[in-house]
Amino acid sequence: MVMLGFAPFQELPVRPSDLRLLPICLASLLLFGCGSRSIFELNEDGGSDAGPGSDAGPGNDAGPGNDAGPGNDAGPGNDAGPGNDAGPGNDAGPGNDAGPGNDAGPGNDAGPGNDAGPGSDAGPGNDAGPGSDAGPGNDAGPGSDAGPATDGGCGDGILDTGEECDDGNLASFDGCSSTCHFEQSQRINSLQLKFDTDSVCANNAIGGSISQFAQGTLQTVINGQVRNGAISLMLELIDPNPTGVHQSNIHIGVLAGSPEQPQGSPTYNGSADTDWWYAPDTNSVTDAGAPLTQLLGDITNHTLTLGPGALSMNLSLGNGGASIDLSNTTLVAPIGTLTKPKVTTNGLPPGHLPSEHIDPNLKTFASTGTGNGGGGGPANTTGTLCGNMSASSLAQLKLPAGLITVCTNQNYTTNNSLLDLLVGGCGTQLGSLITATQPDQSDPDAPAAGAGAPYTLAASNNTTKAVDGCKDKNGADVGLNRCLAAAAYSSYFNFSTNRVFIRH
């Protein structure tokens, strides 16, 4: 980013050397400016340009041939005197000397962005030599090191006008984007399995199969996994409007991850995790950190709508976990209250790092899917998530021993899956806990098996109780693996999210 502007006028005493240069200054005024930033020469810093590799103090021109020569130290606030050249090829980067063996002394380095130290004149009223910039963020002369950014704008580690943050690099997906916008990330901190339907989620085969006797137990398992971070489904809004008022066609990354808990950090609570640190699952992102799954969304009237599209979330019933694939997924959630992102003071979560230089006045939405913009939880979880769970991924989720003990009529083992349970049902001495249910949806991105959906699954072996057969809509046998990839169960959740810091 290049900022156009004019240096403030500063009245200085007139010296004889100034009068000698007056005709030259007047002749070049239209092209280069005199003592102020020219609209044609963006590298001038109020007349304070240094020669090739030379340092110049604010408002003091280095002048051709007036840099500190070999062996001449320019100590704090000392003029180098006329006639002493700095020699080409000297760096104006942080802590670089003004010439071979020439220490510019404290305050005379050209620091990040190549500014010279204050109080270090290189000769009265002299203009810089060709190719040498002294302005903040401008490139130094030939052979000079300009640091991580060379335009004095985004990526130089200095918060400039129009930037929401500046972490000193031009990378995205690290809390501050390549355009110096705050990266708004949210994590689901409350996930409530629903057992009915509504206007958004018109189908719910998963919830409809679970009796009221099992609903509380299953929800307790989900709550615990959200709280300990085992379920960490995150949304990464790419260059969003931080206020959450209105924005169309937002690209939103969907990724799994896990909480970071460095030694000395407060006790982690995934149900109240505003601005906590999360590491993305390596299977969810590219080598550059970009989410592999990105869906299109909108924010209208303070409501976020995402999808339809495909996503995955981790789930475990206590006997090993699995990534559950959902197709035709839609998320709708009201935007919560605007707050200032936290900044850590001790290098530990929660909070962004001071090195990100977040605008201290920036406010972004701290949550979604909450009735009062609070920290989430069952009482005020209002976001809606509808998606069709792949039969293939449900077949990877193994049953816990406790559930096997309860389902006395089926004789399941720990080798059985949640899919086996859905197809076979779960009967107890008190009645049915899980009603035997067939897939009611299909994945639009998966090849159809045979004539297509609806599919009917079967477990022909009464000993193993494992699903081992599938028929298409015409009742014809089809390949099991192809059928499981295409078949799906509709599901419906309420959810809320908190703003978090995804550290790639």
Protein backbone atom coordinates (compact mmCIF):
# COMPACT_ATOMS: atom_id res chain seq x y z
CA MET A 1 0.00 0.00 0.00
CA VAL A 2 1.35 3.38 -0.91
CA MET A 3 0.09 6.38 1.00
CA LEU A 4 0.12 9.70 -0.83
CA GLY A 5 0.59 12.77 1.30
CA PHE A 6 2.68 15.84 1.97
CA ALA A 7 5.28 16.28 4.65
CA PRO A 8 4.52 19.06 7.14
CA PHE A 9 6.26 22.35 6.43
CA GLN A 10 9.05 23.04 8.87
CA GLU A 11 10.69 26.47 9.04
CA LEU A 12 14.48 26.21 9.16
CA PRO A 13 17.27 28.83 9.31
CA VAL A 14 18.73 29.77 5.93
CA ARG A 15 22.36 28.88 5.43
CA PRO A 16 24.72 29.93 2.58
CA SER A 17 24.72 26.41 1.22
CA ASP A 18 20.91 26.58 0.93
CA LEU A 19 21.11 29.74 -1.22
CA ARG A 20 23.56 28.07 -3.59
CA LEU A 21 21.05 25.29 -4.25
CA LEU A 22 17.98 27.53 -4.60
CA PRO A 23 18.10 27.77 -8.44
CA ILE A 24 18.36 23.97 -8.71
CA CYS A 25 15.46 23.49 -6.32
CA LEU A 26 13.24 25.94 -8.20
CA ALA A 27 14.06 24.35 -11.55
CA SER A 28 13.08 20.85 -10.37
CA LEU A 29 10.04 21.88 -8.32
CA LEU A 30 7.45 20.81 -10.90
CA LEU A 31 8.96 17.35 -11.34
CA PHE A 32 10.38 16.41 -7.98
CA GLY A 33 9.13 18.81 -5.30
CA CYS A 34 11.31 20.75 -2.92
CA GLY A 35 11.26 19.86 0.74
CA SER A 36 7.87 18.08 0.41
CA ARG A 37 6.46 14.89 -1.15
CA SER A 38 5.95 15.22 -4.88
CA ILE A 39 3.00 13.60 -6.57
CA PHE A 40 5.42 12.14 -9.12
CA GLU A 41 8.12 10.88 -6.74
CA LEU A 42 6.54 8.62 -4.10
CA ASN A 43 9.89 7.72 -2.53
CA GLU A 44 10.66 11.17 -1.17
CA ASP A 45 10.22 11.72 2.55
CA GLY A 46 9.93 15.49 2.90
CA GLY A 47 13.28 16.10 1.20
CA SER A 48 15.01 13.44 3.29
CA ASP A 49 16.30 10.97 0.71
CA ALA A 50 19.58 9.21 1.31
CA GLY A 51 22.23 8.43 -1.27
CA PRO A 52 22.89 4.88 -2.39
CA GLY A 53 22.95 2.87 0.80
CA SER A 54 23.07 6.03 2.94
CA ASP A 55 21.06 7.05 6.02
CA ALA A 56 19.43 10.44 6.32
CA GLY A 57 17.64 11.97 9.34
CA PRO A 58 14.07 13.24 9.06
CA GLY A 59 13.98 16.39 6.99
CA ASN A 60 17.70 16.26 6.21
CA ASP A 61 18.84 15.53 2.67
CA ALA A 62 21.88 13.42 2.13
CA GLY A 63 23.03 15.15 -1.02
CA PRO A 64 25.27 13.72 -3.67
CA GLY A 65 28.60 12.94 -2.20
CA ASN A 66 27.67 14.08 1.29
CA ASP A 67 27.27 10.77 3.06
CA ALA A 68 29.54 9.50 5.75
CA GLY A 69 32.72 8.43 4.00
CA PRO A 70 34.91 5.46 4.75
CA GLY A 71 36.07 5.47 8.32
CA ASN A 72 33.88 8.41 9.27
CA ASP A 73 31.42 7.63 12.04
CA ALA A 74 28.22 9.62 11.99
CA GLY A 75 27.50 9.28 15.75
CA PRO A 76 24.20 10.32 17.26
CA GLY A 77 23.04 13.61 15.79
CA ASN A 78 26.33 14.33 14.04
CA ASP A 79 26.53 15.63 10.48
CA ALA A 80 28.73 13.69 8.17
CA GLY A 81 30.03 16.90 6.67
CA PRO A 82 30.39 17.68 3.02
CA GLY A 83 32.50 15.62 0.72
CA ASN A 84 32.19 12.28 2.48
CA ASP A 85 30.50 9.67 0.33
CA ALA A 86 28.90 6.56 1.77
CA GLY A 87 29.89 4.33 -1.08
CA PRO A 88 27.40 2.33 -3.10
CA GLY A 89 25.92 -0.99 -2.08
CA ASN A 90 25.38 -0.25 1.58
CA ASP A 91 22.18 -1.52 3.11
CA ALA A 92 19.57 0.83 4.48
CA GLY A 93 17.84 -2.07 6.26
CA PRO A 94 17.65 -2.45 10.01
CA GLY A 95 20.94 -1.82 11.66
CA ASN A 96 23.02 -1.36 8.51
CA ASP A 97 26.12 0.81 8.40
CA ALA A 98 26.47 3.78 6.10
CA GLY A 99 29.56 2.58 4.26
CA PRO A 100 32.39 0.07 4.47
CA GLY A 101 33.50 0.19 8.06
CA ASN A 102 31.36 3.23 8.73
CA ASP A 103 29.10 2.92 11.74
CA ALA A 104 26.19 5.33 11.58
CA GLY A 105 25.88 5.21 15.34
CA PRO A 106 22.71 4.85 17.41
CA GLY A 107 19.74 6.45 15.75
CA ASN A 108 21.34 6.42 12.32
CA ASP A 109 20.03 3.12 11.03
CA ALA A 110 17.33 3.00 8.44
CA GLY A 111 15.12 0.58 10.47
CA PRO A 112 12.18 -1.32 9.05
CA GLY A 113 10.97 0.46 5.97
CA ASN A 114 14.42 2.09 5.57
CA ASP A 115 14.00 5.31 7.55
CA ALA A 116 17.17 6.86 8.81
CA GLY A 117 17.57 7.52 12.51
CA PRO A 118 16.59 10.89 13.86
CA GLY A 119 19.15 13.63 14.24
CA SER A 120 21.65 12.25 11.77
CA ASP A 121 22.32 14.83 9.07
CA ALA A 122 24.49 13.96 6.13
CA GLY A 123 25.26 17.49 5.14
CA PRO A 124 23.19 20.68 5.12
CA GLY A 125 20.37 20.98 2.61
CA ASN A 126 21.67 18.42 0.17
CA ASP A 127 19.45 16.28 -2.02
CA ALA A 128 19.74 12.50 -2.23
CA GLY A 129 21.61 10.77 -4.96
CA PRO A 130 19.79 8.79 -7.61
CA GLY A 131 18.08 5.53 -6.69
CA SER A 132 18.08 6.10 -2.93
CA ASP A 133 14.87 6.31 -0.93
CA ALA A 134 14.55 7.50 2.64
CA GLY A 135 10.75 7.45 3.00
CA PRO A 136 9.04 4.94 5.28
CA GLY A 137 8.71 1.60 3.53
CA ASN A 138 10.56 2.76 0.39
CA ASP A 139 13.23 0.70 -1.28
CA ALA A 140 16.77 1.58 -0.47
CA GLY A 141 19.39 2.19 -3.14
CA PRO A 142 21.18 -0.51 -5.17
CA GLY A 143 22.21 -3.51 -3.08
CA SER A 144 20.03 -2.52 -0.15
CA ASP A 145 17.90 -4.86 1.97
CA ALA A 146 14.30 -3.65 2.23
CA GLY A 147 13.02 -6.19 4.78
CA PRO A 148 9.73 -8.12 4.51
CA ALA A 149 7.80 -5.37 2.69
CA THR A 150 9.05 -2.55 0.51
CA ASP A 151 6.10 -0.32 -0.20
CA GLY A 152 5.54 1.14 3.26
CA GLY A 153 2.05 -0.38 3.39
CA CYS A 154 0.48 -3.77 3.99
CA GLY A 155 2.97 -6.31 5.25
CA ASP A 156 5.50 -3.94 6.80
CA GLY A 157 4.44 -4.62 10.39
CA ILE A 158 3.15 -1.07 10.85
CA LEU A 159 -0.58 -0.35 11.11
CA ASP A 160 -1.41 2.18 8.37
CA THR A 161 -4.62 4.01 7.57
CA GLY A 162 -7.13 1.64 5.99
CA GLU A 163 -5.55 -1.49 7.51
CA GLU A 164 -7.34 -3.60 10.12
CA CYS A 165 -4.08 -5.34 11.05
CA ASP A 166 -0.50 -5.73 9.85
CA ASP A 167 1.50 -8.74 10.99
CA GLY A 168 4.59 -8.00 8.93
CA ASN A 169 3.93 -10.41 6.08
CA LEU A 170 1.74 -10.80 3.02
CA ALA A 171 0.43 -14.27 3.89
CA SER A 172 -3.21 -15.12 4.53
CA PHE A 173 -4.74 -17.59 6.98
CA ASP A 174 -2.60 -16.49 9.93
CA GLY A 175 -4.99 -14.08 11.66
CA CYS A 176 -4.24 -11.13 9.33
CA SER A 177 -4.85 -11.53 5.61
CA SER A 178 -2.58 -10.68 2.67
CA THR A 179 -4.60 -7.47 2.26
CA CYS A 180 -4.22 -6.58 5.96
CA HIS A 181 -7.82 -7.38 6.84
CA PHE A 182 -8.70 -9.11 10.08
CA GLU A 183 -9.46 -12.78 9.46
CA GLN A 184 -12.81 -13.54 11.01
CA SER A 185 -12.92 -17.17 12.17
CA GLN A 186 -15.69 -18.85 14.12
CA ARG A 187 -15.89 -22.25 15.85
CA ILE A 188 -19.04 -24.14 16.77
CA ASN A 189 -19.15 -23.99 20.57
CA SER A 190 -22.63 -25.51 20.97
CA LEU A 191 -24.11 -28.28 18.83
CA GLN A 192 -27.60 -29.50 19.69
CA LEU A 193 -28.97 -32.56 17.91
CA LYS A 194 -32.62 -31.98 17.01
CA PHE A 195 -35.27 -34.69 16.88
CA ASP A 196 -37.91 -32.88 14.83
CA THR A 197 -37.95 -30.70 11.68
CA ASP A 198 -38.52 -27.04 10.87
CA SER A 199 -38.91 -24.74 7.86
CA VAL A 200 -35.17 -24.81 7.12
CA CYS A 201 -34.55 -28.49 7.88
CA ALA A 202 -37.58 -30.26 6.46
CA ASN A 203 -36.08 -33.76 6.86
CA ASN A 204 -34.38 -35.39 9.84
CA ALA A 205 -33.96 -39.15 9.55
CA ILE A 206 -31.17 -39.27 12.16
CA GLY A 207 -33.08 -37.34 14.82
CA GLY A 208 -36.34 -39.10 14.05
CA SER A 209 -34.81 -42.51 14.73
CA ILE A 210 -33.79 -41.69 18.30
CA SER A 211 -36.36 -42.19 21.06
CA GLN A 212 -36.74 -39.77 23.93
CA PHE A 213 -35.05 -42.30 26.25
CA ALA A 214 -31.79 -42.00 24.31
CA GLN A 215 -31.89 -38.32 23.33
CA GLY A 216 -30.43 -36.93 26.55
CA THR A 217 -27.63 -39.49 26.69
CA LEU A 218 -26.54 -38.86 23.11
CA GLN A 219 -26.65 -35.07 23.58
CA THR A 220 -24.49 -35.37 26.70
CA VAL A 221 -21.82 -37.14 24.61
CA ILE A 222 -21.89 -34.36 21.98
CA ASN A 223 -21.72 -31.62 24.64
CA GLY A 224 -18.64 -33.19 26.19
CA GLN A 225 -16.84 -33.41 22.86
CA VAL A 226 -17.57 -29.79 22.01
CA ARG A 227 -16.36 -28.74 25.46
CA ASN A 228 -13.07 -30.67 25.28
CA GLY A 229 -12.42 -29.68 21.66
CA ALA A 230 -12.83 -33.15 20.10
CA ILE A 231 -15.58 -31.66 17.93
CA SER A 232 -14.10 -28.47 16.48
CA LEU A 233 -15.89 -27.44 13.30
CA MET A 234 -14.65 -24.01 12.27
CA LEU A 235 -15.67 -21.39 9.74
CA GLU A 236 -13.04 -19.07 8.25
CA LEU A 237 -14.58 -16.04 6.54
CA ILE A 238 -12.23 -14.79 3.85
CA ASP A 239 -12.02 -10.94 3.79
CA PRO A 240 -15.43 -10.39 5.43
CA ASN A 241 -17.14 -7.21 6.55
CA PRO A 242 -16.21 -7.37 10.25
CA THR A 243 -19.48 -5.77 11.35
CA GLY A 244 -21.60 -8.56 9.89
CA VAL A 245 -24.16 -6.10 8.51
CA HIS A 246 -24.36 -7.04 4.83
CA GLN A 247 -22.06 -8.79 2.38
CA SER A 248 -22.75 -10.96 -0.63
CA ASN A 249 -20.81 -13.87 -2.08
CA ILE A 250 -18.46 -14.46 0.84
CA HIS A 251 -16.09 -17.37 0.48
CA ILE A 252 -16.13 -19.25 3.77
CA GLY A 253 -13.66 -22.00 4.58
CA VAL A 254 -14.95 -24.96 6.57
CA LEU A 255 -12.29 -26.91 8.46
CA ALA A 256 -11.67 -29.16 11.42
CA GLY A 257 -9.05 -28.46 14.05
CA SER A 258 -8.01 -28.79 17.65
CA PRO A 259 -7.45 -26.33 20.50
CA GLU A 260 -3.93 -25.26 21.41
CA GLN A 261 -3.22 -25.52 25.13
CA PRO A 262 0.33 -24.29 25.76
CA GLN A 263 1.77 -24.66 29.24
CA GLY A 264 0.62 -21.85 31.52
CA SER A 265 -2.55 -21.05 29.57
CA PRO A 266 -5.92 -20.88 31.36
CA THR A 267 -8.11 -23.97 31.55
CA TYR A 268 -9.64 -24.63 28.15
CA ASN A 269 -13.42 -24.68 27.76
CA GLY A 270 -14.63 -25.23 24.22
CA SER A 271 -18.12 -24.04 25.17
CA ALA A 272 -16.77 -20.56 26.03
CA ASP A 273 -13.70 -20.08 23.84
CA THR A 274 -13.81 -16.56 22.44
CA ASP A 275 -10.48 -15.72 20.74
CA TRP A 276 -8.92 -19.05 21.76
CA TRP A 277 -6.15 -20.53 19.59
CA TYR A 278 -6.85 -23.45 17.26
CA ALA A 279 -4.61 -25.45 14.96
CA PRO A 280 -6.28 -26.60 11.73
CA ASP A 281 -6.38 -30.28 10.84
CA THR A 282 -3.71 -30.81 8.18
CA ASN A 283 -6.27 -32.71 6.11
CA SER A 284 -8.47 -29.59 6.07
CA VAL A 285 -6.00 -27.13 4.55
CA THR A 286 -3.49 -26.76 1.72
CA ASP A 287 0.25 -26.37 2.33
CA ALA A 288 -0.33 -22.60 2.22
CA GLY A 289 -3.02 -22.86 4.91
CA ALA A 290 -6.05 -22.25 2.69
CA PRO A 291 -9.14 -24.29 3.65
CA LEU A 292 -9.70 -27.15 1.19
CA THR A 293 -13.46 -26.84 1.62
CA GLN A 294 -14.82 -23.39 0.79
CA LEU A 295 -18.52 -22.64 0.50
CA LEU A 296 -20.30 -19.54 -0.72
CA GLY A 297 -22.32 -17.51 1.75
CA ASP A 298 -24.07 -14.20 2.39
CA ILE A 299 -24.70 -11.88 5.30
CA THR A 300 -28.09 -10.17 5.07
CA ASN A 301 -29.83 -8.27 7.87
CA HIS A 302 -27.26 -9.50 10.39
CA THR A 303 -27.86 -13.14 9.43
CA LEU A 304 -25.19 -15.46 8.00
CA THR A 305 -26.35 -18.00 5.43
CA LEU A 306 -23.90 -20.61 4.16
CA GLY A 307 -24.33 -23.28 1.48
CA PRO A 308 -25.70 -25.55 0.29
CA GLY A 309 -22.50 -27.51 0.03
CA ALA A 310 -20.42 -30.35 1.43
CA LEU A 311 -18.46 -30.36 4.69
CA SER A 312 -17.07 -32.77 7.27
CA MET A 313 -17.02 -32.81 11.06
CA ASN A 314 -15.37 -35.12 13.55
CA LEU A 315 -17.57 -37.20 15.82
CA SER A 316 -16.93 -39.94 18.36
CA LEU A 317 -19.27 -42.08 20.43
CA GLY A 318 -16.47 -43.20 22.74
CA ASN A 319 -15.02 -46.10 20.70
CA GLY A 320 -12.82 -44.19 18.27
CA GLY A 321 -13.89 -41.25 16.13
CA ALA A 322 -14.58 -40.68 12.48
CA SER A 323 -14.96 -37.79 10.08
CA ILE A 324 -18.65 -37.55 9.19
CA ASP A 325 -19.24 -36.25 5.66
CA LEU A 326 -22.33 -34.13 5.09
CA SER A 327 -23.73 -33.21 1.68
CA ASN A 328 -26.24 -30.55 0.71
CA THR A 329 -25.44 -28.74 3.96
CA THR A 330 -26.94 -25.38 4.87
CA LEU A 331 -26.11 -23.17 7.86
CA VAL A 332 -28.19 -20.16 8.93
CA ALA A 333 -27.26 -18.10 12.01
CA PRO A 334 -27.90 -14.58 13.34
CA ILE A 335 -24.80 -12.42 13.82
CA GLY A 336 -23.93 -11.66 17.43
CA THR A 337 -22.67 -8.59 19.26
CA LEU A 338 -19.65 -6.62 18.00
CA THR A 339 -16.63 -6.65 20.33
CA LYS A 340 -12.94 -5.83 20.08
CA PRO A 341 -10.77 -8.91 19.47
CA LYS A 342 -8.69 -9.74 22.51
CA VAL A 343 -4.94 -9.24 22.37
CA THR A 344 -2.83 -11.47 24.57
CA THR A 345 -0.50 -9.79 27.05
CA ASN A 346 1.45 -12.90 28.06
CA GLY A 347 1.85 -14.80 24.79
CA LEU A 348 -0.83 -17.32 25.77
CA PRO A 349 -4.43 -17.86 24.66
CA PRO A 350 -6.92 -16.35 24.49
CA GLY A 351 -6.17 -13.37 22.27
CA HIS A 352 -4.32 -12.36 19.13
CA LEU A 353 -0.61 -11.62 19.23
CA PRO A 354 0.62 -8.02 19.62
CA SER A 355 2.76 -8.56 16.50
CA GLU A 356 -0.43 -8.65 14.40
CA HIS A 357 -0.93 -4.94 15.16
CA ILE A 358 -4.73 -5.17 15.15
CA ASP A 359 -6.47 -1.81 14.92
CA PRO A 360 -7.32 -1.03 18.57
CA ASN A 361 -10.65 0.43 17.44
CA LEU A 362 -11.66 -2.61 15.35
CA LYS A 363 -14.83 -4.41 16.38
CA THR A 364 -15.99 -7.69 14.83
CA PHE A 365 -18.85 -10.05 15.59
CA ALA A 366 -17.86 -12.26 18.50
CA SER A 367 -20.47 -14.96 17.91
CA THR A 368 -23.20 -16.31 15.68
CA GLY A 369 -26.29 -18.36 16.39
CA THR A 370 -26.95 -16.96 19.84
CA GLY A 371 -30.16 -15.33 20.94
CA ASN A 372 -28.42 -12.57 22.87
CA GLY A 373 -24.96 -12.51 21.33
CA GLY A 374 -23.57 -14.31 24.36
CA GLY A 375 -21.29 -17.28 24.74
CA GLY A 376 -23.54 -19.98 23.32
CA GLY A 377 -25.07 -22.99 25.03
CA PRO A 378 -28.37 -24.85 24.87
CA ALA A 379 -30.49 -22.04 26.29
CA ASN A 380 -29.76 -19.56 23.50
CA THR A 381 -28.51 -21.65 20.57
CA THR A 382 -30.43 -20.45 17.52
CA GLY A 383 -28.26 -21.27 14.49
CA THR A 384 -29.58 -23.98 12.15
CA LEU A 385 -27.48 -26.66 10.45
CA CYS A 386 -29.05 -29.15 8.03
CA GLY A 387 -27.00 -31.78 6.24
CA ASN A 388 -27.17 -35.31 4.88
CA MET A 389 -24.76 -37.69 6.62
CA SER A 390 -22.99 -40.12 4.31
CA ALA A 391 -23.79 -43.78 5.01
CA SER A 392 -20.18 -44.55 4.18
CA SER A 393 -18.84 -42.29 6.96
CA LEU A 394 -21.46 -43.55 9.47
CA ALA A 395 -20.09 -47.04 8.79
CA GLN A 396 -16.70 -45.85 10.14
CA LEU A 397 -18.08 -44.72 13.52
CA LYS A 398 -17.88 -47.61 16.00
CA LEU A 399 -20.40 -48.21 18.80
CA PRO A 400 -19.38 -47.64 22.43
CA ALA A 401 -19.53 -50.48 24.93
CA GLY A 402 -22.18 -48.73 27.01
CA LEU A 403 -24.63 -48.58 24.12
CA ILE A 404 -23.96 -52.21 23.24
CA THR A 405 -24.91 -53.23 26.77
CA VAL A 406 -28.20 -51.33 26.54
CA CYS A 407 -29.22 -52.79 23.15
CA THR A 408 -29.93 -56.23 24.59
CA ASN A 409 -32.09 -57.50 21.70
CA GLN A 410 -29.49 -57.08 18.91
CA ASN A 411 -26.25 -58.49 20.36
CA TYR A 412 -24.07 -55.80 18.81
CA THR A 413 -20.30 -55.81 19.45
CA THR A 414 -17.61 -53.12 19.36
CA ASN A 415 -17.03 -54.12 15.74
CA ASN A 416 -20.44 -52.74 14.79
CA SER A 417 -20.94 -49.20 13.53
CA LEU A 418 -23.47 -46.45 13.90
CA LEU A 419 -24.75 -47.39 10.45
CA ASP A 420 -25.38 -50.97 11.67
CA LEU A 421 -27.30 -49.50 14.61
CA LEU A 422 -29.46 -47.28 12.38
CA VAL A 423 -30.32 -50.13 9.99
CA GLY A 424 -30.87 -52.75 12.69
CA GLY A 425 -32.32 -50.56 15.43
CA CYS A 426 -31.81 -50.89 19.18
CA GLY A 427 -34.36 -52.67 21.35
CA THR A 428 -34.30 -52.88 25.14
CA GLN A 429 -36.43 -54.45 27.80
CA LEU A 430 -38.13 -51.06 28.18
CA GLY A 431 -38.76 -50.54 24.48
CA SER A 432 -37.00 -49.19 21.41
CA LEU A 433 -34.13 -46.71 21.81
CA ILE A 434 -33.25 -46.51 18.11
CA THR A 435 -35.87 -47.18 15.46
CA ALA A 436 -34.56 -49.10 12.45
CA THR A 437 -34.21 -46.47 9.72
CA GLN A 438 -33.19 -46.49 6.05
CA PRO A 439 -31.29 -43.67 4.30
CA ASP A 440 -33.70 -41.05 2.97
CA GLN A 441 -31.26 -38.90 0.94
CA SER A 442 -28.42 -39.23 -1.57
CA ASP A 443 -25.21 -37.31 -2.12
CA PRO A 444 -25.58 -35.26 -5.35
CA ASP A 445 -21.81 -35.32 -5.86
CA ALA A 446 -21.50 -39.11 -5.64
CA PRO A 447 -22.12 -41.43 -8.60
CA ALA A 448 -25.49 -43.19 -8.37
CA ALA A 449 -25.54 -46.87 -7.56
CA GLY A 450 -27.69 -48.76 -10.05
CA ALA A 451 -30.94 -46.88 -10.75
CA GLY A 452 -30.29 -44.53 -7.84
CA ALA A 453 -31.97 -43.52 -4.58
CA PRO A 454 -33.78 -44.30 -2.41
CA TYR A 455 -31.50 -47.10 -1.31
CA THR A 456 -32.35 -49.98 1.02
CA LEU A 457 -29.61 -51.40 3.23
CA ALA A 458 -29.61 -54.84 4.83
CA ALA A 459 -27.62 -56.91 7.36
CA SER A 460 -28.11 -60.51 6.28
CA ASN A 461 -25.83 -62.09 8.88
CA ASN A 462 -27.67 -62.27 12.21
CA THR A 463 -24.41 -62.96 14.00
CA THR A 464 -22.35 -59.99 12.86
CA LYS A 465 -25.29 -57.57 12.42
CA ALA A 466 -23.13 -55.70 9.92
CA VAL A 467 -24.64 -53.99 6.86
CA ASP A 468 -23.62 -56.12 3.88
CA GLY A 469 -26.15 -55.47 1.13
CA CYS A 470 -27.88 -52.66 -0.78
CA LYS A 471 -30.71 -52.36 -3.28
CA ASP A 472 -31.50 -49.36 -5.51
CA LYS A 473 -34.91 -47.76 -5.98
CA ASN A 474 -35.98 -50.58 -8.32
CA GLY A 475 -35.06 -53.27 -5.79
CA ALA A 476 -32.00 -54.41 -7.73
CA ASP A 477 -28.85 -55.40 -5.87
CA VAL A 478 -26.04 -52.88 -6.32
CA GLY A 479 -22.42 -52.72 -5.21
CA LEU A 480 -22.22 -52.03 -1.48
CA ASN A 481 -19.33 -49.54 -1.50
CA ARG A 482 -20.85 -47.47 -4.31
CA CYS A 483 -24.22 -47.57 -2.57
CA LEU A 484 -22.80 -46.42 0.80
CA ALA A 485 -20.97 -43.52 -0.89
CA ALA A 486 -24.22 -42.32 -2.48
CA ALA A 487 -26.72 -43.06 0.32
CA ALA A 488 -27.22 -40.51 3.13
CA TYR A 489 -29.32 -39.74 6.20
CA SER A 490 -30.81 -36.29 6.72
CA SER A 491 -29.96 -34.55 10.00
CA TYR A 492 -30.77 -31.33 11.83
CA PHE A 493 -28.80 -29.43 14.49
CA ASN A 494 -28.98 -26.12 16.29
CA PHE A 495 -25.61 -24.46 16.81
CA SER A 496 -23.80 -21.35 17.96
CA THR A 497 -20.23 -20.16 17.36
CA ASN A 498 -17.57 -18.04 19.04
CA ARG A 499 -14.87 -15.98 17.33
CA VAL A 500 -11.54 -17.84 17.50
CA PHE A 501 -7.95 -17.44 16.27
CA ILE A 502 -6.91 -20.12 13.76
CA ARG A 503 -3.11 -20.34 13.83
CA HIS A 504 -1.88 -21.97 10.59
